[in-house]
Amino acid sequence: MTFQTHLDVTRIEASVFPIGDVNRRYFTAYIEQTPQGWAVHDGHDGYDADGAPHPGEPLRHPLEDYDAALLLAVKLAPTLTVNGRMAAEVAAA
């Protein structure tokens, strides 16, 4: 019996830090597929189509358009803030 294997991409990461960098886990925007569309979040807060944060609601504001979600995550990645420091600032240090 032969089975067909299906591959699905359901989550993508956007970060100014490369894989393996200790800061990446804190400064990463995620694009995650939900039944309603593509959600952009940082693991804690979700972001709507305008980039406005929604604390504690990581998957509640999905975008219908995949490309729009990717562009939003790329735009947000350098501005993600942890303990008052933006990702771009930490990466430049």
PDB file of N, CA and C in Angstrom:
ATOM      1  N   MET A   1       0.841  -1.178   0.000  1.00  0.00           N
ATOM      2  CA  MET A   1       0.000   0.000   0.000  1.00  0.00           C
ATOM      3  C   MET A   1       0.888   1.243   0.000  1.00  0.00           C
ATOM      4  N   THR A   2       0.551   2.192  -0.831  1.00  0.00           N
ATOM      5  CA  THR A   2       1.319   3.428  -0.935  1.00  0.00           C
ATOM      6  C   THR A   2       0.491   4.599  -0.414  1.00  0.00           C
ATOM      7  N   PHE A   3       1.153   5.446   0.318  1.00  0.00           N
ATOM      8  CA  PHE A   3       0.490   6.627   0.854  1.00  0.00           C
ATOM      9  C   PHE A   3       1.146   7.875   0.302  1.00  0.00           C
ATOM     10  N   GLN A   4       0.347   8.871   0.063  1.00  0.00           N
ATOM     11  CA  GLN A   4       0.873  10.163  -0.368  1.00  0.00           C
ATOM     12  C   GLN A   4       1.137  11.003   0.874  1.00  0.00           C
ATOM     13  N   THR A   5       2.299  11.595   0.931  1.00  0.00           N
ATOM     14  CA  THR A   5       2.662  12.446   2.065  1.00  0.00           C
ATOM     15  C   THR A   5       2.330  13.889   1.727  1.00  0.00           C
ATOM     16  N   HIS A   6       1.678  14.563   2.656  1.00  0.00           N
ATOM     17  CA  HIS A   6       1.313  15.970   2.480  1.00  0.00           C
ATOM     18  C   HIS A   6       2.199  16.827   3.369  1.00  0.00           C
ATOM     19  N   LEU A   7       2.766  17.867   2.809  1.00  0.00           N
ATOM     20  CA  LEU A   7       3.562  18.816   3.569  1.00  0.00           C
ATOM     21  C   LEU A   7       2.799  20.132   3.638  1.00  0.00           C
ATOM     22  N   ASP A   8       2.675  20.661   4.830  1.00  0.00           N
ATOM     23  CA  ASP A   8       1.974  21.920   5.026  1.00  0.00           C
ATOM     24  C   ASP A   8       2.858  22.877   5.805  1.00  0.00           C
ATOM     25  N   VAL A   9       3.008  24.076   5.307  1.00  0.00           N
ATOM     26  CA  VAL A   9       3.716  25.116   6.039  1.00  0.00           C
ATOM     27  C   VAL A   9       2.661  25.886   6.811  1.00  0.00           C
ATOM     28  N   THR A  10       2.722  25.808   8.131  1.00  0.00           N
ATOM     29  CA  THR A  10       1.708  26.458   8.950  1.00  0.00           C
ATOM     30  C   THR A  10       2.280  27.550   9.849  1.00  0.00           C
ATOM     31  N   ARG A  11       3.614  27.696   9.859  1.00  0.00           N
ATOM     32  CA  ARG A  11       4.230  28.731  10.699  1.00  0.00           C
ATOM     33  C   ARG A  11       5.558  29.156  10.083  1.00  0.00           C
ATOM     34  N   ILE A  12       5.773  30.454  10.037  1.00  0.00           N
ATOM     35  CA  ILE A  12       6.988  31.033   9.487  1.00  0.00           C
ATOM     36  C   ILE A  12       7.503  32.044  10.507  1.00  0.00           C
ATOM     37  N   GLU A  13       8.813  32.206  10.570  1.00  0.00           N
ATOM     38  CA  GLU A  13       9.423  33.152  11.497  1.00  0.00           C
ATOM     39  C   GLU A  13      10.088  34.300  10.749  1.00  0.00           C
ATOM     40  N   ALA A  14       9.965  35.496  11.300  1.00  0.00           N
ATOM     41  CA  ALA A  14      10.655  36.671  10.768  1.00  0.00           C
ATOM     42  C   ALA A  14      11.422  37.304  11.923  1.00  0.00           C
ATOM     43  N   SER A  15      12.730  37.434  11.763  1.00  0.00           N
ATOM     44  CA  SER A  15      13.557  37.978  12.836  1.00  0.00           C
ATOM     45  C   SER A  15      14.773  38.678  12.246  1.00  0.00           C
ATOM     46  N   VAL A  16      15.303  39.654  12.957  1.00  0.00           N
ATOM     47  CA  VAL A  16      16.547  40.293  12.537  1.00  0.00           C
ATOM     48  C   VAL A  16      17.748  39.471  13.004  1.00  0.00           C
ATOM     49  N   PHE A  17      17.509  38.438  13.789  1.00  0.00           N
ATOM     50  CA  PHE A  17      18.566  37.574  14.300  1.00  0.00           C
ATOM     51  C   PHE A  17      18.568  36.246  13.553  1.00  0.00           C
ATOM     52  N   PRO A  18      19.748  35.708  13.252  1.00  0.00           N
ATOM     53  CA  PRO A  18      19.818  34.432  12.552  1.00  0.00           C
ATOM     54  C   PRO A  18      19.443  33.268  13.462  1.00  0.00           C
ATOM     55  N   ILE A  19      19.112  32.149  12.850  1.00  0.00           N
ATOM     56  CA  ILE A  19      18.841  30.931  13.622  1.00  0.00           C
ATOM     57  C   ILE A  19      20.085  30.610  14.448  1.00  0.00           C
ATOM     58  N   GLY A  20      19.866  30.285  15.706  1.00  0.00           N
ATOM     59  CA  GLY A  20      20.968  29.969  16.601  1.00  0.00           C
ATOM     60  C   GLY A  20      21.388  31.121  17.495  1.00  0.00           C
ATOM     61  N   ASP A  21      21.006  32.343  17.148  1.00  0.00           N
ATOM     62  CA  ASP A  21      21.326  33.496  17.989  1.00  0.00           C
ATOM     63  C   ASP A  21      20.436  33.463  19.225  1.00  0.00           C
ATOM     64  N   VAL A  22      21.028  33.683  20.389  1.00  0.00           N
ATOM     65  CA  VAL A  22      20.298  33.617  21.651  1.00  0.00           C
ATOM     66  C   VAL A  22      19.137  34.616  21.707  1.00  0.00           C
ATOM     67  N   ASN A  23      19.231  35.726  20.985  1.00  0.00           N
ATOM     68  CA  ASN A  23      18.179  36.740  21.012  1.00  0.00           C
ATOM     69  C   ASN A  23      16.987  36.419  20.114  1.00  0.00           C
ATOM     70  N   ARG A  24      17.148  35.489  19.208  1.00  0.00           N
ATOM     71  CA  ARG A  24      16.088  35.197  18.235  1.00  0.00           C
ATOM     72  C   ARG A  24      14.785  34.781  18.907  1.00  0.00           C
ATOM     73  N   ARG A  25      14.861  33.991  19.952  1.00  0.00           N
ATOM     74  CA  ARG A  25      13.629  33.509  20.585  1.00  0.00           C
ATOM     75  C   ARG A  25      12.804  34.632  21.206  1.00  0.00           C
ATOM     76  N   TYR A  26      13.450  35.726  21.542  1.00  0.00           N
ATOM     77  CA  TYR A  26      12.737  36.847  22.146  1.00  0.00           C
ATOM     78  C   TYR A  26      12.274  37.886  21.122  1.00  0.00           C
ATOM     79  N   PHE A  27      12.988  37.978  20.017  1.00  0.00           N
ATOM     80  CA  PHE A  27      12.710  39.003  19.012  1.00  0.00           C
ATOM     81  C   PHE A  27      12.326  38.368  17.675  1.00  0.00           C
ATOM     82  N   THR A  28      11.238  37.640  17.667  1.00  0.00           N
ATOM     83  CA  THR A  28      10.777  36.985  16.446  1.00  0.00           C
ATOM     84  C   THR A  28       9.287  37.227  16.267  1.00  0.00           C
ATOM     85  N   ALA A  29       8.912  37.584  15.055  1.00  0.00           N
ATOM     86  CA  ALA A  29       7.496  37.677  14.689  1.00  0.00           C
ATOM     87  C   ALA A  29       7.137  36.373  13.985  1.00  0.00           C
ATOM     88  N   TYR A  30       6.015  35.803  14.360  1.00  0.00           N
ATOM     89  CA  TYR A  30       5.563  34.550  13.774  1.00  0.00           C
ATOM     90  C   TYR A  30       4.364  34.798  12.870  1.00  0.00           C
ATOM     91  N   ILE A  31       4.348  34.132  11.749  1.00  0.00           N
ATOM     92  CA  ILE A  31       3.189  34.126  10.861  1.00  0.00           C
ATOM     93  C   ILE A  31       2.636  32.719  10.972  1.00  0.00           C
ATOM     94  N   GLU A  32       1.453  32.597  11.520  1.00  0.00           N
ATOM     95  CA  GLU A  32       0.912  31.272  11.813  1.00  0.00           C
ATOM     96  C   GLU A  32      -0.465  31.101  11.177  1.00  0.00           C
ATOM     97  N   GLN A  33      -0.635  29.983  10.504  1.00  0.00           N
ATOM     98  CA  GLN A  33      -1.913  29.706   9.854  1.00  0.00           C
ATOM     99  C   GLN A  33      -2.942  29.273  10.892  1.00  0.00           C
ATOM    100  N   THR A  34      -4.114  29.875  10.805  1.00  0.00           N
ATOM    101  CA  THR A  34      -5.240  29.516  11.664  1.00  0.00           C
ATOM    102  C   THR A  34      -6.408  29.166  10.743  1.00  0.00           C
ATOM    103  N   PRO A  35      -7.468  28.602  11.267  1.00  0.00           N
ATOM    104  CA  PRO A  35      -8.632  28.327  10.414  1.00  0.00           C
ATOM    105  C   PRO A  35      -9.229  29.593   9.780  1.00  0.00           C
ATOM    106  N   GLN A  36      -8.984  30.773  10.383  1.00  0.00           N
ATOM    107  CA  GLN A  36      -9.536  32.022   9.869  1.00  0.00           C
ATOM    108  C   GLN A  36      -8.584  32.776   8.946  1.00  0.00           C
ATOM    109  N   GLY A  37      -7.330  32.363   8.866  1.00  0.00           N
ATOM    110  CA  GLY A  37      -6.361  33.068   8.038  1.00  0.00           C
ATOM    111  C   GLY A  37      -4.975  32.997   8.651  1.00  0.00           C
ATOM    112  N   TRP A  38      -4.150  33.996   8.386  1.00  0.00           N
ATOM    113  CA  TRP A  38      -2.763  34.039   8.857  1.00  0.00           C
ATOM    114  C   TRP A  38      -2.619  35.045   9.984  1.00  0.00           C
ATOM    115  N   ALA A  39      -2.248  34.573  11.177  1.00  0.00           N
ATOM    116  CA  ALA A  39      -2.067  35.442  12.339  1.00  0.00           C
ATOM    117  C   ALA A  39      -0.600  35.847  12.436  1.00  0.00           C
ATOM    118  N   VAL A  40      -0.355  37.093  12.803  1.00  0.00           N
ATOM    119  CA  VAL A  40       0.996  37.585  13.050  1.00  0.00           C
ATOM    120  C   VAL A  40       1.088  37.866  14.549  1.00  0.00           C
ATOM    121  N   HIS A  41       2.080  37.251  15.203  1.00  0.00           N
ATOM    122  CA  HIS A  41       2.224  37.431  16.654  1.00  0.00           C
ATOM    123  C   HIS A  41       3.687  37.289  17.050  1.00  0.00           C
ATOM    124  N   ASP A  42       3.970  37.636  18.290  1.00  0.00           N
ATOM    125  CA  ASP A  42       5.335  37.515  18.803  1.00  0.00           C
ATOM    126  C   ASP A  42       5.425  36.453  19.889  1.00  0.00           C
ATOM    127  N   GLY A  43       4.425  35.605  19.955  1.00  0.00           N
ATOM    128  CA  GLY A  43       4.374  34.576  20.984  1.00  0.00           C
ATOM    129  C   GLY A  43       3.506  34.970  22.166  1.00  0.00           C
ATOM    130  N   HIS A  44       3.288  36.255  22.320  1.00  0.00           N
ATOM    131  CA  HIS A  44       2.462  36.772  23.412  1.00  0.00           C
ATOM    132  C   HIS A  44       1.339  37.651  22.889  1.00  0.00           C
ATOM    133  N   ASP A  45       1.707  38.624  22.061  1.00  0.00           N
ATOM    134  CA  ASP A  45       0.737  39.582  21.539  1.00  0.00           C
ATOM    135  C   ASP A  45       0.481  39.326  20.062  1.00  0.00           C
ATOM    136  N   GLY A  46      -0.771  39.499  19.672  1.00  0.00           N
ATOM    137  CA  GLY A  46      -1.114  39.417  18.263  1.00  0.00           C
ATOM    138  C   GLY A  46      -1.115  40.814  17.661  1.00  0.00           C
ATOM    139  N   TYR A  47      -1.016  40.897  16.344  1.00  0.00           N
ATOM    140  CA  TYR A  47      -1.007  42.179  15.652  1.00  0.00           C
ATOM    141  C   TYR A  47      -2.077  42.168  14.575  1.00  0.00           C
ATOM    142  N   ASP A  48      -2.796  43.284  14.464  1.00  0.00           N
ATOM    143  CA  ASP A  48      -3.813  43.369  13.421  1.00  0.00           C
ATOM    144  C   ASP A  48      -3.182  43.835  12.116  1.00  0.00           C
ATOM    145  N   ALA A  49      -3.989  44.015  11.101  1.00  0.00           N
ATOM    146  CA  ALA A  49      -3.486  44.365   9.767  1.00  0.00           C
ATOM    147  C   ALA A  49      -2.722  45.685   9.753  1.00  0.00           C
ATOM    148  N   ASP A  50      -2.995  46.572  10.713  1.00  0.00           N
ATOM    149  CA  ASP A  50      -2.301  47.858  10.785  1.00  0.00           C
ATOM    150  C   ASP A  50      -1.032  47.793  11.627  1.00  0.00           C
ATOM    151  N   GLY A  51      -0.750  46.617  12.212  1.00  0.00           N
ATOM    152  CA  GLY A  51       0.430  46.460  13.055  1.00  0.00           C
ATOM    153  C   GLY A  51       0.202  46.836  14.501  1.00  0.00           C
ATOM    154  N   ALA A  52      -1.042  47.124  14.871  1.00  0.00           N
ATOM    155  CA  ALA A  52      -1.344  47.471  16.261  1.00  0.00           C
ATOM    156  C   ALA A  52      -1.330  46.199  17.121  1.00  0.00           C
ATOM    157  N   PRO A  53      -0.646  46.250  18.272  1.00  0.00           N
ATOM    158  CA  PRO A  53      -0.577  45.068  19.128  1.00  0.00           C
ATOM    159  C   PRO A  53      -1.878  44.838  19.898  1.00  0.00           C
ATOM    160  N   HIS A  54      -2.142  43.577  20.160  1.00  0.00           N
ATOM    161  CA  HIS A  54      -3.288  43.172  20.971  1.00  0.00           C
ATOM    162  C   HIS A  54      -2.759  42.215  22.031  1.00  0.00           C
ATOM    163  N   PRO A  55      -2.393  42.759  23.215  1.00  0.00           N
ATOM    164  CA  PRO A  55      -1.769  41.958  24.262  1.00  0.00           C
ATOM    165  C   PRO A  55      -2.607  40.731  24.650  1.00  0.00           C
ATOM    166  N   GLY A  56      -1.922  39.614  24.742  1.00  0.00           N
ATOM    167  CA  GLY A  56      -2.560  38.380  25.183  1.00  0.00           C
ATOM    168  C   GLY A  56      -3.478  37.734  24.162  1.00  0.00           C
ATOM    169  N   GLU A  57      -3.496  38.230  22.934  1.00  0.00           N
ATOM    170  CA  GLU A  57      -4.371  37.673  21.892  1.00  0.00           C
ATOM    171  C   GLU A  57      -3.550  37.311  20.651  1.00  0.00           C
ATOM    172  N   PRO A  58      -2.645  36.333  20.753  1.00  0.00           N
ATOM    173  CA  PRO A  58      -1.745  36.065  19.630  1.00  0.00           C
ATOM    174  C   PRO A  58      -2.415  35.573  18.347  1.00  0.00           C
ATOM    175  N   LEU A  59      -3.543  34.904  18.436  1.00  0.00           N
ATOM    176  CA  LEU A  59      -4.158  34.338  17.234  1.00  0.00           C
ATOM    177  C   LEU A  59      -5.533  34.905  16.918  1.00  0.00           C
ATOM    178  N   ARG A  60      -5.921  35.997  17.534  1.00  0.00           N
ATOM    179  CA  ARG A  60      -7.289  36.498  17.387  1.00  0.00           C
ATOM    180  C   ARG A  60      -7.493  37.491  16.263  1.00  0.00           C
ATOM    181  N   HIS A  61      -6.453  37.898  15.562  1.00  0.00           N
ATOM    182  CA  HIS A  61      -6.591  38.913  14.521  1.00  0.00           C
ATOM    183  C   HIS A  61      -5.935  38.448  13.216  1.00  0.00           C
ATOM    184  N   PRO A  62      -6.417  37.337  12.661  1.00  0.00           N
ATOM    185  CA  PRO A  62      -5.779  36.822  11.444  1.00  0.00           C
ATOM    186  C   PRO A  62      -6.047  37.691  10.219  1.00  0.00           C
ATOM    187  N   LEU A  63      -5.090  37.665   9.313  1.00  0.00           N
ATOM    188  CA  LEU A  63      -5.230  38.346   8.030  1.00  0.00           C
ATOM    189  C   LEU A  63      -5.601  37.293   6.995  1.00  0.00           C
ATOM    190  N   GLU A  64      -6.464  37.631   6.079  1.00  0.00           N
ATOM    191  CA  GLU A  64      -6.862  36.680   5.044  1.00  0.00           C
ATOM    192  C   GLU A  64      -5.753  36.455   4.029  1.00  0.00           C
ATOM    193  N   ASP A  65      -4.970  37.487   3.777  1.00  0.00           N
ATOM    194  CA  ASP A  65      -3.971  37.435   2.729  1.00  0.00           C
ATOM    195  C   ASP A  65      -2.599  37.028   3.284  1.00  0.00           C
ATOM    196  N   TYR A  66      -2.055  35.939   2.778  1.00  0.00           N
ATOM    197  CA  TYR A  66      -0.754  35.422   3.196  1.00  0.00           C
ATOM    198  C   TYR A  66       0.353  36.450   2.960  1.00  0.00           C
ATOM    199  N   ASP A  67       0.384  37.068   1.788  1.00  0.00           N
ATOM    200  CA  ASP A  67       1.423  38.047   1.472  1.00  0.00           C
ATOM    201  C   ASP A  67       1.374  39.245   2.409  1.00  0.00           C
ATOM    202  N   ALA A  68       0.181  39.679   2.767  1.00  0.00           N
ATOM    203  CA  ALA A  68       0.044  40.804   3.697  1.00  0.00           C
ATOM    204  C   ALA A  68       0.594  40.422   5.072  1.00  0.00           C
ATOM    205  N   ALA A  69       0.364  39.183   5.499  1.00  0.00           N
ATOM    206  CA  ALA A  69       0.886  38.716   6.783  1.00  0.00           C
ATOM    207  C   ALA A  69       2.413  38.678   6.765  1.00  0.00           C
ATOM    208  N   LEU A  70       2.989  38.206   5.661  1.00  0.00           N
ATOM    209  CA  LEU A  70       4.450  38.178   5.543  1.00  0.00           C
ATOM    210  C   LEU A  70       5.037  39.585   5.595  1.00  0.00           C
ATOM    211  N   LEU A  71       4.454  40.495   4.848  1.00  0.00           N
ATOM    212  CA  LEU A  71       4.951  41.872   4.830  1.00  0.00           C
ATOM    213  C   LEU A  71       4.844  42.520   6.210  1.00  0.00           C
ATOM    214  N   LEU A  72       3.745  42.261   6.904  1.00  0.00           N
ATOM    215  CA  LEU A  72       3.565  42.816   8.246  1.00  0.00           C
ATOM    216  C   LEU A  72       4.628  42.276   9.196  1.00  0.00           C
ATOM    217  N   ALA A  73       4.886  40.985   9.162  1.00  0.00           N
ATOM    218  CA  ALA A  73       5.887  40.395  10.046  1.00  0.00           C
ATOM    219  C   ALA A  73       7.284  40.938   9.765  1.00  0.00           C
ATOM    220  N   VAL A  74       7.615  41.110   8.499  1.00  0.00           N
ATOM    221  CA  VAL A  74       8.922  41.671   8.137  1.00  0.00           C
ATOM    222  C   VAL A  74       9.035  43.111   8.632  1.00  0.00           C
ATOM    223  N   LYS A  75       7.947  43.853   8.537  1.00  0.00           N
ATOM    224  CA  LYS A  75       7.927  45.242   9.014  1.00  0.00           C
ATOM    225  C   LYS A  75       8.053  45.305  10.545  1.00  0.00           C
ATOM    226  N   LEU A  76       7.394  44.379  11.242  1.00  0.00           N
ATOM    227  CA  LEU A  76       7.404  44.386  12.703  1.00  0.00           C
ATOM    228  C   LEU A  76       8.696  43.855  13.315  1.00  0.00           C
ATOM    229  N   ALA A  77       9.352  42.907  12.655  1.00  0.00           N
ATOM    230  CA  ALA A  77      10.506  42.212  13.242  1.00  0.00           C
ATOM    231  C   ALA A  77      11.552  43.151  13.859  1.00  0.00           C
ATOM    232  N   PRO A  78      12.009  44.195  13.176  1.00  0.00           N
ATOM    233  CA  PRO A  78      13.024  45.061  13.791  1.00  0.00           C
ATOM    234  C   PRO A  78      12.490  45.916  14.936  1.00  0.00           C
ATOM    235  N   THR A  79      11.175  46.053  15.031  1.00  0.00           N
ATOM    236  CA  THR A  79      10.589  46.924  16.055  1.00  0.00           C
ATOM    237  C   THR A  79      10.101  46.173  17.287  1.00  0.00           C
ATOM    238  N   LEU A  80      10.158  44.846  17.279  1.00  0.00           N
ATOM    239  CA  LEU A  80       9.710  44.092  18.447  1.00  0.00           C
ATOM    240  C   LEU A  80      10.530  44.520  19.656  1.00  0.00           C
ATOM    241  N   THR A  81       9.853  44.744  20.764  1.00  0.00           N
ATOM    242  CA  THR A  81      10.498  45.315  21.944  1.00  0.00           C
ATOM    243  C   THR A  81      10.402  44.373  23.138  1.00  0.00           C
ATOM    244  N   VAL A  82      11.547  44.179  23.791  1.00  0.00           N
ATOM    245  CA  VAL A  82      11.626  43.376  25.011  1.00  0.00           C
ATOM    246  C   VAL A  82      12.387  44.190  26.036  1.00  0.00           C
ATOM    247  N   ASN A  83      11.821  44.355  27.208  1.00  0.00           N
ATOM    248  CA  ASN A  83      12.447  45.130  28.290  1.00  0.00           C
ATOM    249  C   ASN A  83      12.898  46.515  27.815  1.00  0.00           C
ATOM    250  N   GLY A  84      12.082  47.147  26.988  1.00  0.00           N
ATOM    251  CA  GLY A  84      12.363  48.505  26.542  1.00  0.00           C
ATOM    252  C   GLY A  84      13.371  48.631  25.418  1.00  0.00           C
ATOM    253  N   ARG A  85      13.852  47.511  24.878  1.00  0.00           N
ATOM    254  CA  ARG A  85      14.846  47.563  23.789  1.00  0.00           C
ATOM    255  C   ARG A  85      14.277  46.909  22.540  1.00  0.00           C
ATOM    256  N   MET A  86      14.396  47.610  21.418  1.00  0.00           N
ATOM    257  CA  MET A  86      13.923  47.075  20.152  1.00  0.00           C
ATOM    258  C   MET A  86      14.940  46.100  19.569  1.00  0.00           C
ATOM    259  N   ALA A  87      14.444  45.166  18.770  1.00  0.00           N
ATOM    260  CA  ALA A  87      15.290  44.158  18.144  1.00  0.00           C
ATOM    261  C   ALA A  87      16.418  44.801  17.342  1.00  0.00           C
ATOM    262  N   ALA A  88      16.111  45.815  16.566  1.00  0.00           N
ATOM    263  CA  ALA A  88      17.135  46.474  15.747  1.00  0.00           C
ATOM    264  C   ALA A  88      18.237  47.077  16.627  1.00  0.00           C
ATOM    265  N   GLU A  89      17.851  47.615  17.774  1.00  0.00           N
ATOM    266  CA  GLU A  89      18.825  48.211  18.710  1.00  0.00           C
ATOM    267  C   GLU A  89      19.738  47.134  19.297  1.00  0.00           C
ATOM    268  N   VAL A  90      19.141  46.010  19.678  1.00  0.00           N
ATOM    269  CA  VAL A  90      19.937  44.911  20.258  1.00  0.00           C
ATOM    270  C   VAL A  90      20.871  44.318  19.193  1.00  0.00           C
ATOM    271  N   ALA A  91      20.367  44.180  17.968  1.00  0.00           N
ATOM    272  CA  ALA A  91      21.183  43.612  16.891  1.00  0.00           C
ATOM    273  C   ALA A  91      22.361  44.510  16.535  1.00  0.00           C
ATOM    274  N   ALA A  92      22.178  45.824  16.678  1.00  0.00           N
ATOM    275  CA  ALA A  92      23.240  46.766  16.337  1.00  0.00           C
ATOM    276  C   ALA A  92      24.308  46.867  17.423  1.00  0.00           C
ATOM    277  N   ALA A  93      23.970  46.407  18.626  1.00  0.00           N
ATOM    278  CA  ALA A  93      24.919  46.526  19.752  1.00  0.00           C
ATOM    279  C   ALA A  93      26.042  45.509  19.678  1.00  0.00           C
TER     280      ALA A  93
END
